[in-house]
C-alpha atoms as a PDB file:
ATOM      1  CA  MET A   1     116.577  87.031  48.682  1.00  0.00           C
ATOM      2  CA  ARG A   2     119.721  85.187  47.752  1.00  0.00           C
ATOM      3  CA  GLU A   3     123.154  85.853  46.580  1.00  0.00           C
ATOM      4  CA  ALA A   4     123.406  85.140  42.704  1.00  0.00           C
ATOM      5  CA  PRO A   5     126.338  85.104  40.554  1.00  0.00           C
ATOM      6  CA  GLU A   6     127.160  88.201  38.165  1.00  0.00           C
ATOM      7  CA  PRO A   7     125.609  87.386  34.929  1.00  0.00           C
ATOM      8  CA  ALA A   8     127.973  85.977  32.218  1.00  0.00           C
ATOM      9  CA  MET A   9     128.380  88.573  29.104  1.00  0.00           C
ATOM     10  CA  GLY A  10     127.961  87.548  25.746  1.00  0.00           C
ATOM     11  CA  GLU A  11     129.726  89.352  22.699  1.00  0.00           C
ATOM     12  CA  TYR A  12     126.130  91.578  22.071  1.00  0.00           C
ATOM     13  CA  ASP A  13     125.562  92.051  25.893  1.00  0.00           C
ATOM     14  CA  CYS A  14     126.023  94.782  28.135  1.00  0.00           C
ATOM     15  CA  LEU A  15     126.425  94.362  31.896  1.00  0.00           C
ATOM     16  CA  CYS A  16     124.301  96.620  33.778  1.00  0.00           C
ATOM     17  CA  ALA A  17     123.820  98.027  37.519  1.00  0.00           C
ATOM     18  CA  GLY A  18     120.143  97.679  38.278  1.00  0.00           C
ATOM     19  CA  LEU A  19     118.681 100.980  39.428  1.00  0.00           C
ATOM     20  CA  TYR A  20     115.193 100.515  39.981  1.00  0.00           C
ATOM     21  CA  GLY A  21     112.506  98.307  38.995  1.00  0.00           C
ATOM     22  CA  ALA A  22     108.529  98.398  39.350  1.00  0.00           C
ATOM     23  CA  THR A  23     106.206  95.595  40.426  1.00  0.00           C
ATOM     24  CA  CYS A  24     103.745  94.464  38.269  1.00  0.00           C
ATOM     25  CA  SER A  25     100.317  93.484  39.995  1.00  0.00           C
ATOM     26  CA  GLY A  26      99.419  91.164  37.431  1.00  0.00           C
ATOM     27  CA  THR A  27     102.580  89.422  36.407  1.00  0.00           C
ATOM     28  CA  ASP A  28     104.718  89.370  39.446  1.00  0.00           C
ATOM     29  CA  LEU A  29     101.847  88.258  41.820  1.00  0.00           C
ATOM     30  CA  HIS A  30     100.789  85.461  39.130  1.00  0.00           C
ATOM     31  CA  LEU A  31     104.192  84.318  39.253  1.00  0.00           C
ATOM     32  CA  LEU A  32     104.628  84.052  42.996  1.00  0.00           C
ATOM     33  CA  ASN A  33     101.240  82.134  42.952  1.00  0.00           C
ATOM     34  CA  GLY A  34     102.301  79.789  40.455  1.00  0.00           C
ATOM     35  CA  HIS A  35     100.031  80.551  37.473  1.00  0.00           C
ATOM     36  CA  PRO A  36      99.968  77.677  35.155  1.00  0.00           C
ATOM     37  CA  LEU A  37     100.584  80.027  32.375  1.00  0.00           C
ATOM     38  CA  PHE A  38     104.195  80.792  33.047  1.00  0.00           C
ATOM     39  CA  GLY A  39     105.179  77.113  34.296  1.00  0.00           C
ATOM     40  CA  VAL A  40     106.884  78.680  37.446  1.00  0.00           C
ATOM     41  CA  GLU A  41     109.677  76.470  38.965  1.00  0.00           C
ATOM     42  CA  PHE A  42     111.428  77.977  41.915  1.00  0.00           C
ATOM     43  CA  PRO A  43     113.900  79.378  43.064  1.00  0.00           C
ATOM     44  CA  THR A  44     113.454  82.307  40.176  1.00  0.00           C
ATOM     45  CA  ILE A  45     114.439  85.874  39.720  1.00  0.00           C
ATOM     46  CA  LEU A  46     111.425  87.820  38.967  1.00  0.00           C
ATOM     47  CA  GLY A  47     111.269  91.340  37.472  1.00  0.00           C
ATOM     48  CA  HIS A  48     110.455  92.574  33.822  1.00  0.00           C
ATOM     49  CA  GLU A  49     110.324  96.444  34.584  1.00  0.00           C
ATOM     50  CA  SER A  50     113.487  97.354  35.745  1.00  0.00           C
ATOM     51  CA  ILE A  51     115.787 100.300  34.374  1.00  0.00           C
ATOM     52  CA  GLY A  52     119.583 100.241  34.569  1.00  0.00           C
ATOM     53  CA  ARG A  53     122.945 101.738  33.613  1.00  0.00           C
ATOM     54  CA  VAL A  54     125.321 100.295  31.184  1.00  0.00           C
ATOM     55  CA  LEU A  55     128.689  99.629  33.096  1.00  0.00           C
ATOM     56  CA  ALA A  56     130.524  97.534  30.335  1.00  0.00           C
ATOM     57  CA  CYS A  57     129.854  96.230  26.744  1.00  0.00           C
ATOM     58  CA  GLY A  58     130.581  93.308  24.893  1.00  0.00           C
ATOM     59  CA  PRO A  59     132.853  93.417  21.666  1.00  0.00           C
ATOM     60  CA  ARG A  60     129.971  93.234  18.962  1.00  0.00           C
ATOM     61  CA  VAL A  61     127.836  96.060  20.920  1.00  0.00           C
ATOM     62  CA  ARG A  62     127.376  99.137  18.893  1.00  0.00           C
ATOM     63  CA  HIS A  63     124.147 100.740  19.898  1.00  0.00           C
ATOM     64  CA  PHE A  64     124.754 101.095  23.337  1.00  0.00           C
ATOM     65  CA  GLN A  65     128.060 102.775  25.362  1.00  0.00           C
ATOM     66  CA  VAL A  66     129.109 102.682  28.975  1.00  0.00           C
ATOM     67  CA  GLY A  67     126.803 105.239  31.139  1.00  0.00           C
ATOM     68  CA  ASP A  68     123.514 104.707  29.062  1.00  0.00           C
ATOM     69  CA  LEU A  69     120.403 104.469  30.774  1.00  0.00           C
ATOM     70  CA  VAL A  70     118.418 101.242  29.444  1.00  0.00           C
ATOM     71  CA  THR A  71     115.274  99.567  29.627  1.00  0.00           C
ATOM     72  CA  ARG A  72     114.353  95.890  30.660  1.00  0.00           C
ATOM     73  CA  LEU A  73     117.138  94.267  32.408  1.00  0.00           C
ATOM     74  CA  VAL A  74     117.352  90.471  32.437  1.00  0.00           C
ATOM     75  CA  ASN A  75     119.489  87.485  33.774  1.00  0.00           C
ATOM     76  CA  ARG A  76     120.223  84.439  32.635  1.00  0.00           C
ATOM     77  CA  ALA A  77     119.291  81.219  34.169  1.00  0.00           C
ATOM     78  CA  THR A  78     121.991  79.077  36.172  1.00  0.00           C
ATOM     79  CA  PRO A  79     121.685  75.260  36.861  1.00  0.00           C
ATOM     80  CA  ASP A  80     120.135  76.039  40.406  1.00  0.00           C
ATOM     81  CA  LEU A  81     118.342  79.454  39.779  1.00  0.00           C
ATOM     82  CA  ARG A  82     115.895  80.204  37.039  1.00  0.00           C
ATOM     83  CA  VAL A  83     114.943  83.290  35.586  1.00  0.00           C
ATOM     84  CA  HIS A  84     111.307  85.047  34.735  1.00  0.00           C
ATOM     85  CA  TRP A  85     113.025  88.145  33.108  1.00  0.00           C
ATOM     86  CA  GLY A  86     115.248  88.595  36.326  1.00  0.00           C
ATOM     87  CA  GLY A  87     115.240  92.267  36.677  1.00  0.00           C
ATOM     88  CA  TYR A  88     115.043  92.379  40.608  1.00  0.00           C
ATOM     89  CA  ALA A  89     118.828  92.164  41.227  1.00  0.00           C
ATOM     90  CA  GLU A  90     121.718  94.407  41.580  1.00  0.00           C
ATOM     91  CA  ARG A  91     123.215  93.346  38.401  1.00  0.00           C
ATOM     92  CA  GLY A  92     121.346  92.626  34.874  1.00  0.00           C
ATOM     93  CA  LEU A  93     121.826  92.401  31.174  1.00  0.00           C
ATOM     94  CA  VAL A  94     120.682  94.155  28.070  1.00  0.00           C
ATOM     95  CA  GLN A  95     121.514  93.047  24.602  1.00  0.00           C
ATOM     96  CA  ASP A  96     122.267  94.749  21.440  1.00  0.00           C
ATOM     97  CA  TRP A  97     119.525  93.023  19.381  1.00  0.00           C
ATOM     98  CA  ARG A  98     119.851  95.546  16.545  1.00  0.00           C
ATOM     99  CA  ALA A  99     123.385  94.763  16.031  1.00  0.00           C
ATOM    100  CA  MET A 100     122.587  91.023  16.147  1.00  0.00           C
ATOM    101  CA  GLN A 101     119.758  91.497  13.319  1.00  0.00           C
ATOM    102  CA  GLU A 102     122.441  93.581  11.253  1.00  0.00           C
ATOM    103  CA  ASP A 103     124.906  90.806  11.608  1.00  0.00           C
ATOM    104  CA  GLY A 104     122.422  87.985  10.803  1.00  0.00           C
ATOM    105  CA  VAL A 105     122.439  86.398  14.469  1.00  0.00           C
ATOM    106  CA  ALA A 106     119.053  85.680  16.122  1.00  0.00           C
ATOM    107  CA  PRO A 107     118.506  87.896  19.408  1.00  0.00           C
ATOM    108  CA  GLU A 108     118.208  85.429  22.355  1.00  0.00           C
ATOM    109  CA  PHE A 109     115.842  88.001  24.053  1.00  0.00           C
ATOM    110  CA  THR A 110     112.580  89.627  22.563  1.00  0.00           C
ATOM    111  CA  PRO A 111     113.821  92.342  20.236  1.00  0.00           C
ATOM    112  CA  GLY A 112     112.739  95.707  20.764  1.00  0.00           C
ATOM    113  CA  THR A 113     112.926  95.384  24.827  1.00  0.00           C
ATOM    114  CA  HIS A 114     116.278  97.097  25.311  1.00  0.00           C
ATOM    115  CA  TRP A 115     116.740 100.595  24.391  1.00  0.00           C
ATOM    116  CA  ALA A 116     118.736 103.489  25.670  1.00  0.00           C
ATOM    117  CA  LEU A 117     116.588 106.194  27.081  1.00  0.00           C
ATOM    118  CA  PRO A 118     117.534 109.784  27.181  1.00  0.00           C
ATOM    119  CA  PRO A 119     119.937 110.571  29.701  1.00  0.00           C
ATOM    120  CA  ASP A 120     118.085 113.177  31.654  1.00  0.00           C
ATOM    121  CA  PHE A 121     114.867 110.855  32.036  1.00  0.00           C
ATOM    122  CA  ASP A 122     114.308 109.904  35.776  1.00  0.00           C
ATOM    123  CA  PRO A 123     115.281 106.226  36.360  1.00  0.00           C
ATOM    124  CA  ALA A 124     112.691 105.633  38.749  1.00  0.00           C
ATOM    125  CA  ALA A 125     110.050 107.170  37.021  1.00  0.00           C
ATOM    126  CA  SER A 126     111.037 105.235  33.892  1.00  0.00           C
ATOM    127  CA  THR A 127     109.977 102.076  35.534  1.00  0.00           C
ATOM    128  CA  MET A 128     106.606 102.833  34.021  1.00  0.00           C
ATOM    129  CA  ILE A 129     107.971 102.998  30.261  1.00  0.00           C
ATOM    130  CA  ILE A 130     107.728  98.921  30.070  1.00  0.00           C
ATOM    131  CA  THR A 131     103.938  99.000  30.986  1.00  0.00           C
ATOM    132  CA  TRP A 132     103.287 102.082  28.804  1.00  0.00           C
ATOM    133  CA  ARG A 133     105.037 100.474  25.644  1.00  0.00           C
ATOM    134  CA  GLU A 134     103.113  97.053  25.827  1.00  0.00           C
ATOM    135  CA  THR A 135      99.536  98.677  26.808  1.00  0.00           C
ATOM    136  CA  PHE A 136      99.987 101.199  23.826  1.00  0.00           C
ATOM    137  CA  SER A 137     101.338  98.644  21.339  1.00  0.00           C
ATOM    138  CA  PHE A 138      98.111  96.360  22.402  1.00  0.00           C
ATOM    139  CA  LEU A 139      95.809  99.433  22.003  1.00  0.00           C
ATOM    140  CA  THR A 140      97.039 100.917  18.866  1.00  0.00           C
ATOM    141  CA  ARG A 141      97.251  97.320  17.272  1.00  0.00           C
ATOM    142  CA  ILE A 142      93.267  97.219  17.495  1.00  0.00           C
ATOM    143  CA  GLY A 143      92.804 100.819  16.555  1.00  0.00           C
ATOM    144  CA  VAL A 144      91.613 103.570  18.724  1.00  0.00           C
ATOM    145  CA  LYS A 145      90.536 106.651  16.519  1.00  0.00           C
ATOM    146  CA  PRO A 146      89.557 110.419  17.843  1.00  0.00           C
ATOM    147  CA  GLY A 147      85.855 110.470  18.989  1.00  0.00           C
ATOM    148  CA  ASP A 148      85.728 106.752  19.888  1.00  0.00           C
ATOM    149  CA  LYS A 149      84.169 105.448  22.956  1.00  0.00           C
ATOM    150  CA  VAL A 150      86.379 103.175  24.751  1.00  0.00           C
ATOM    151  CA  LEU A 151      85.526 101.160  28.097  1.00  0.00           C
ATOM    152  CA  VAL A 152      88.463  99.752  30.184  1.00  0.00           C
ATOM    153  CA  MET A 153      87.670  97.184  33.048  1.00  0.00           C
ATOM    154  CA  GLY A 154      90.128  97.316  35.706  1.00  0.00           C
ATOM    155  CA  THR A 155      92.279 100.019  37.916  1.00  0.00           C
ATOM    156  CA  GLY A 156      95.498  98.255  38.231  1.00  0.00           C
ATOM    157  CA  GLY A 157      98.529  99.661  36.388  1.00  0.00           C
ATOM    158  CA  ASN A 158      97.477  98.120  32.953  1.00  0.00           C
ATOM    159  CA  GLY A 159      93.915  99.295  32.824  1.00  0.00           C
ATOM    160  CA  LEU A 160      94.854 102.769  34.191  1.00  0.00           C
ATOM    161  CA  ALA A 161      97.590 102.830  31.466  1.00  0.00           C
ATOM    162  CA  PHE A 162      94.933 101.798  28.526  1.00  0.00           C
ATOM    163  CA  ALA A 163      92.682 104.880  29.971  1.00  0.00           C
ATOM    164  CA  ASN A 164      95.712 107.065  29.530  1.00  0.00           C
ATOM    165  CA  HIS A 165      96.636 106.109  25.850  1.00  0.00           C
ATOM    166  CA  ALA A 166      92.860 106.016  25.143  1.00  0.00           C
ATOM    167  CA  ALA A 167      92.627 109.759  26.205  1.00  0.00           C
ATOM    168  CA  ASN A 168      96.023 110.560  24.446  1.00  0.00           C
ATOM    169  CA  LEU A 169      94.420 109.249  21.206  1.00  0.00           C
ATOM    170  CA  LEU A 170      91.656 111.724  21.863  1.00  0.00           C
ATOM    171  CA  ALA A 171      88.664 109.126  22.536  1.00  0.00           C
ATOM    172  CA  GLU A 172      85.406 110.960  22.989  1.00  0.00           C
ATOM    173  CA  ALA A 173      84.704 108.932  26.176  1.00  0.00           C
ATOM    174  CA  VAL A 174      86.726 106.935  28.183  1.00  0.00           C
ATOM    175  CA  CYS A 175      84.968 104.598  30.846  1.00  0.00           C
ATOM    176  CA  VAL A 176      86.821 102.906  33.367  1.00  0.00           C
ATOM    177  CA  VAL A 177      85.238 100.051  35.661  1.00  0.00           C
ATOM    178  CA  GLY A 178      87.103  99.257  38.617  1.00  0.00           C
ATOM    179  CA  SER A 179      87.866  99.394  42.399  1.00  0.00           C
ATOM    180  CA  PRO A 180      86.051 102.704  43.962  1.00  0.00           C
ATOM    181  CA  GLN A 181      88.921 103.588  45.801  1.00  0.00           C
ATOM    182  CA  ARG A 182      90.801 104.049  42.606  1.00  0.00           C
ATOM    183  CA  GLU A 183      88.377 106.736  41.106  1.00  0.00           C
ATOM    184  CA  ALA A 184      90.537 109.724  41.469  1.00  0.00           C
ATOM    185  CA  ASP A 185      93.273 107.693  40.039  1.00  0.00           C
ATOM    186  CA  ALA A 186      91.323 106.923  37.095  1.00  0.00           C
ATOM    187  CA  ARG A 187      90.122 110.189  36.355  1.00  0.00           C
ATOM    188  CA  ARG A 188      93.940 111.647  36.484  1.00  0.00           C
ATOM    189  CA  ALA A 189      94.891 109.079  34.013  1.00  0.00           C
ATOM    190  CA  GLY A 190      92.128 110.323  31.540  1.00  0.00           C
ATOM    191  CA  ALA A 191      88.915 108.662  32.311  1.00  0.00           C
ATOM    192  CA  THR A 192      86.055 110.766  31.374  1.00  0.00           C
ATOM    193  CA  HIS A 193      83.636 108.438  33.044  1.00  0.00           C
ATOM    194  CA  PHE A 194      83.791 106.193  36.222  1.00  0.00           C
ATOM    195  CA  VAL A 195      81.598 102.933  37.492  1.00  0.00           C
ATOM    196  CA  SER A 196      82.272 100.832  40.184  1.00  0.00           C
ATOM    197  CA  TYR A 197      82.874  97.100  39.248  1.00  0.00           C
ATOM    198  CA  ARG A 198      80.534  96.102  42.441  1.00  0.00           C
ATOM    199  CA  GLU A 199      77.406  97.221  40.482  1.00  0.00           C
ATOM    200  CA  GLU A 200      74.883  94.587  40.211  1.00  0.00           C
ATOM    201  CA  ASP A 201      73.754  95.853  36.624  1.00  0.00           C
ATOM    202  CA  LEU A 202      76.675  96.874  35.003  1.00  0.00           C
ATOM    203  CA  VAL A 203      75.352  97.778  31.782  1.00  0.00           C
ATOM    204  CA  ALA A 204      72.780  99.893  33.271  1.00  0.00           C
ATOM    205  CA  ALA A 205      75.221 101.696  35.540  1.00  0.00           C
ATOM    206  CA  VAL A 206      77.267 102.719  32.451  1.00  0.00           C
ATOM    207  CA  ARG A 207      74.516 103.805  30.449  1.00  0.00           C
ATOM    208  CA  ALA A 208      73.406 106.048  33.178  1.00  0.00           C
ATOM    209  CA  GLN A 209      76.795 107.526  33.028  1.00  0.00           C
ATOM    210  CA  GLY A 210      76.355 108.501  29.501  1.00  0.00           C
ATOM    211  CA  PRO A 211      78.644 106.061  27.364  1.00  0.00           C
ATOM    212  CA  ALA A 212      76.721 103.799  24.933  1.00  0.00           C
ATOM    213  CA  ASP A 213      77.412 101.939  21.621  1.00  0.00           C
ATOM    214  CA  LEU A 214      80.945 101.552  22.396  1.00  0.00           C
ATOM    215  CA  ASP A 215      83.651 101.320  19.877  1.00  0.00           C
ATOM    216  CA  LEU A 216      86.084  98.886  22.520  1.00  0.00           C
ATOM    217  CA  VAL A 217      85.967  97.153  25.547  1.00  0.00           C
ATOM    218  CA  ILE A 218      89.126  96.017  27.282  1.00  0.00           C
ATOM    219  CA  ASP A 219      89.308  93.570  30.281  1.00  0.00           C
ATOM    220  CA  ALA A 220      92.711  94.428  31.660  1.00  0.00           C
ATOM    221  CA  VAL A 221      91.987  91.812  34.705  1.00  0.00           C
ATOM    222  CA  GLY A 222      90.860  88.736  32.647  1.00  0.00           C
ATOM    223  CA  LYS A 223      88.540  87.689  35.367  1.00  0.00           C
ATOM    224  CA  VAL A 224      85.500  84.859  34.214  1.00  0.00           C
ATOM    225  CA  GLY A 225      82.429  86.517  33.273  1.00  0.00           C
ATOM    226  CA  GLN A 226      83.786  90.330  33.570  1.00  0.00           C
ATOM    227  CA  LEU A 227      84.028  90.934  29.692  1.00  0.00           C
ATOM    228  CA  ASP A 228      80.794  89.195  29.097  1.00  0.00           C
ATOM    229  CA  ARG A 229      78.752  91.814  31.289  1.00  0.00           C
ATOM    230  CA  CYS A 230      80.001  94.561  29.215  1.00  0.00           C
ATOM    231  CA  LEU A 231      79.081  93.160  25.888  1.00  0.00           C
ATOM    232  CA  PRO A 232      75.674  94.634  25.376  1.00  0.00           C
ATOM    233  CA  LEU A 233      77.344  97.944  25.365  1.00  0.00           C
ATOM    234  CA  LEU A 234      79.506  97.341  22.461  1.00  0.00           C
ATOM    235  CA  ARG A 235      77.888  98.668  19.184  1.00  0.00           C
ATOM    236  CA  ALA A 236      77.698  96.476  16.216  1.00  0.00           C
ATOM    237  CA  ARG A 237      80.798  95.680  14.982  1.00  0.00           C
ATOM    238  CA  GLY A 238      82.888  97.354  17.853  1.00  0.00           C
ATOM    239  CA  ALA A 239      85.562  95.328  19.175  1.00  0.00           C
ATOM    240  CA  ALA A 240      86.282  93.517  22.570  1.00  0.00           C
ATOM    241  CA  ALA A 241      89.822  92.427  23.692  1.00  0.00           C
ATOM    242  CA  ILE A 242      91.188  90.486  27.049  1.00  0.00           C
ATOM    243  CA  TYR A 243      94.521  91.754  28.012  1.00  0.00           C
ATOM    244  CA  GLY A 244      94.614  90.255  31.707  1.00  0.00           C
ATOM    245  CA  ILE A 245      95.461  86.774  32.673  1.00  0.00           C
ATOM    246  CA  ASP A 246      93.676  86.390  36.022  1.00  0.00           C
ATOM    247  CA  ASP A 247      91.660  83.275  34.541  1.00  0.00           C
ATOM    248  CA  TYR A 248      93.650  82.846  31.404  1.00  0.00           C
ATOM    249  CA  GLY A 249      91.980  80.312  29.071  1.00  0.00           C
ATOM    250  CA  LYS A 250      88.799  79.904  31.174  1.00  0.00           C
ATOM    251  CA  VAL A 251      86.928  82.897  29.849  1.00  0.00           C
ATOM    252  CA  MET A 252      83.720  82.593  27.919  1.00  0.00           C
ATOM    253  CA  LEU A 253      81.799  85.024  25.941  1.00  0.00           C
ATOM    254  CA  THR A 254      78.186  85.132  24.677  1.00  0.00           C
ATOM    255  CA  PRO A 255      78.506  86.605  21.169  1.00  0.00           C
ATOM    256  CA  THR A 256      74.655  87.032  20.742  1.00  0.00           C
ATOM    257  CA  LYS A 257      75.010  90.042  23.178  1.00  0.00           C
ATOM    258  CA  VAL A 258      76.081  92.378  20.462  1.00  0.00           C
ATOM    259  CA  ALA A 259      73.508  92.841  17.928  1.00  0.00           C
ATOM    260  CA  GLY A 260      75.478  92.873  14.674  1.00  0.00           C
ATOM    261  CA  GLY A 261      78.302  90.700  15.992  1.00  0.00           C
ATOM    262  CA  PHE A 262      81.719  92.356  16.868  1.00  0.00           C
ATOM    263  CA  THR A 263      85.358  91.408  16.736  1.00  0.00           C
ATOM    264  CA  PHE A 264      87.392  89.705  19.279  1.00  0.00           C
ATOM    265  CA  ALA A 265      90.690  91.497  19.100  1.00  0.00           C
ATOM    266  CA  SER A 266      93.565  89.191  20.084  1.00  0.00           C
ATOM    267  CA  TYR A 267      96.520  91.031  18.306  1.00  0.00           C
ATOM    268  CA  GLY A 268      99.034  90.856  21.288  1.00  0.00           C
ATOM    269  CA  TYR A 269     101.704  93.592  21.404  1.00  0.00           C
ATOM    270  CA  ALA A 270     105.360  94.440  20.378  1.00  0.00           C
ATOM    271  CA  GLU A 271     106.256  96.921  23.026  1.00  0.00           C
ATOM    272  CA  GLY A 272     109.544  97.769  20.867  1.00  0.00           C
ATOM    273  CA  ASP A 273     107.454  99.084  18.114  1.00  0.00           C
ATOM    274  CA  THR A 274     106.156 101.972  20.447  1.00  0.00           C
ATOM    275  CA  HIS A 275     109.364 103.095  22.450  1.00  0.00           C
ATOM    276  CA  ALA A 276     109.906 106.206  20.396  1.00  0.00           C
ATOM    277  CA  HIS A 277     106.519 107.214  20.730  1.00  0.00           C
ATOM    278  CA  ILE A 278     106.251 106.501  24.659  1.00  0.00           C
ATOM    279  CA  VAL A 279     109.391 108.602  25.144  1.00  0.00           C
ATOM    280  CA  LYS A 280     107.752 111.375  23.047  1.00  0.00           C
ATOM    281  CA  LEU A 281     104.488 111.373  25.267  1.00  0.00           C
ATOM    282  CA  ILE A 282     106.763 111.236  28.218  1.00  0.00           C
ATOM    283  CA  ARG A 283     108.809 114.731  26.705  1.00  0.00           C
ATOM    284  CA  ARG A 284     105.129 116.071  26.358  1.00  0.00           C
ATOM    285  CA  GLY A 285     103.806 115.367  29.593  1.00  0.00           C
ATOM    286  CA  LEU A 286     101.172 113.176  28.479  1.00  0.00           C
ATOM    287  CA  LEU A 287     102.286 110.332  30.673  1.00  0.00           C
ATOM    288  CA  ASP A 288     103.115 110.814  34.058  1.00  0.00           C
ATOM    289  CA  ALA A 289     104.605 107.921  36.422  1.00  0.00           C
ATOM    290  CA  ARG A 290     103.318 109.763  39.740  1.00  0.00           C
ATOM    291  CA  ASN A 291      99.775 108.669  38.280  1.00  0.00           C
ATOM    292  CA  PHE A 292     100.737 105.174  38.696  1.00  0.00           C
ATOM    293  CA  CYS A 293     103.646 105.092  41.160  1.00  0.00           C
ATOM    294  CA  ASP A 294     104.289 106.466  44.671  1.00  0.00           C
ATOM    295  CA  LEU A 295     107.947 107.964  43.862  1.00  0.00           C
ATOM    296  CA  ASP A 296     108.166 109.154  47.501  1.00  0.00           C
ATOM    297  CA  ARG A 297     107.889 105.572  48.851  1.00  0.00           C
ATOM    298  CA  ILE A 298     110.619 103.730  47.078  1.00  0.00           C
ATOM    299  CA  PHE A 299     111.548 100.134  48.622  1.00  0.00           C
ATOM    300  CA  PRO A 300     114.974  98.840  48.995  1.00  0.00           C
ATOM    301  CA  LEU A 301     115.421  95.414  47.285  1.00  0.00           C
ATOM    302  CA  GLU A 302     116.038  93.683  50.610  1.00  0.00           C
ATOM    303  CA  GLU A 303     112.592  94.822  51.242  1.00  0.00           C
ATOM    304  CA  ILE A 304     110.849  93.731  48.120  1.00  0.00           C
ATOM    305  CA  ASN A 305     108.432  91.592  50.069  1.00  0.00           C
ATOM    306  CA  ALA A 306     107.057  94.731  51.668  1.00  0.00           C
ATOM    307  CA  ALA A 307     106.657  96.484  48.069  1.00  0.00           C
ATOM    308  CA  LEU A 308     104.565  93.255  47.099  1.00  0.00           C
ATOM    309  CA  ALA A 309     102.501  93.326  50.244  1.00  0.00           C
ATOM    310  CA  ALA A 310     101.930  97.011  49.545  1.00  0.00           C
ATOM    311  CA  VAL A 311     100.518  96.072  46.156  1.00  0.00           C
ATOM    312  CA  LYS A 312      98.583  93.192  47.489  1.00  0.00           C
ATOM    313  CA  ALA A 313      96.811  95.461  50.107  1.00  0.00           C
ATOM    314  CA  ARG A 314      96.179  98.155  47.445  1.00  0.00           C
ATOM    315  CA  GLU A 315      98.314 100.673  49.246  1.00  0.00           C
ATOM    316  CA  VAL A 316     100.061 101.399  45.883  1.00  0.00           C
ATOM    317  CA  ILE A 317      99.129 100.893  42.360  1.00  0.00           C
ATOM    318  CA  LYS A 318     102.757  99.930  41.616  1.00  0.00           C
ATOM    319  CA  ALA A 319     105.695  99.876  43.879  1.00  0.00           C
ATOM    320  CA  VAL A 320     109.033 100.986  43.073  1.00  0.00           C
ATOM    321  CA  VAL A 321     112.223  99.050  44.189  1.00  0.00           C
ATOM    322  CA  ARG A 322     115.684 100.608  44.451  1.00  0.00           C
ATOM    323  CA  LEU A 323     117.942  97.744  43.070  1.00  0.00           C
ATOM    324  CA  SER A 324     121.363  98.586  43.971  1.00  0.00           C
ATOM    325  CA  ASP A 325     123.326 101.617  45.863  1.00  0.00           C
ATOM    326  CA  GLU A 326     124.622 102.943  42.454  1.00  0.00           C
ATOM    327  CA  VAL A 327     121.439 105.142  41.786  1.00  0.00           C
END
């Protein structure tokens, strides 16, 4: 922990008080471990799942106002302090990317990540919105239809989010492969079947549960060999995708394991495209942050190392961190 300068506001920026941020068991831990995908240089400010409240608006801001509850706080790098999003801080920024687009100005930050939330939303629970937006965009770009059979590998926040979305999209079967201690979590999220990743013959274990001829298999972890283990479960011309980055760039697949061939779906995501839909799903009670976060065990920012340790020890799926006293 260190003191950092208050972020400088641009004319399209809003200065915000940080309220709560959620840990990401994938990205945050990979950054701390120096994952080559990110080109990490320290010191840096982490945090990409933070919720804040607008304190002041730049002169060209017109889609936010003081008091708004907003998503995805960021910070700017300084000469001696780098930023990987930068949401774990008492102060942060959101940018009026819509005003910039309307004015013909290129947004500095990814368009669609900064939105105002309904004022009655719980800011601590709302930290899940970023995960939900990203995973829902990824899943719907591939295309899940009512009656589909989906297998998700992984029981971290992303894996459980995929299971939740597949269930909400009326998949006939949602089979989760993951840690046995997370089976109850997976079933709360919408899994109809669960198989331990420790099974020696994963294909036989899944088939014994019932699902076969799957329409989609998603590896939410990205470990070498994991997706390849499940390819024989795909139907001809089904789809397989990798979302996780544990072994990014090292995963190999054996296409002949799927008779009739399959699509490797690498379509990415655009979380801004799904924001309005995620808000509606929360309103309808179809997405519940308590299935992912322990909202009764919130860590103060000065104890963020304890929050990350709890994630590493699998005491929690995602830890919520209180960023300031302005909550």
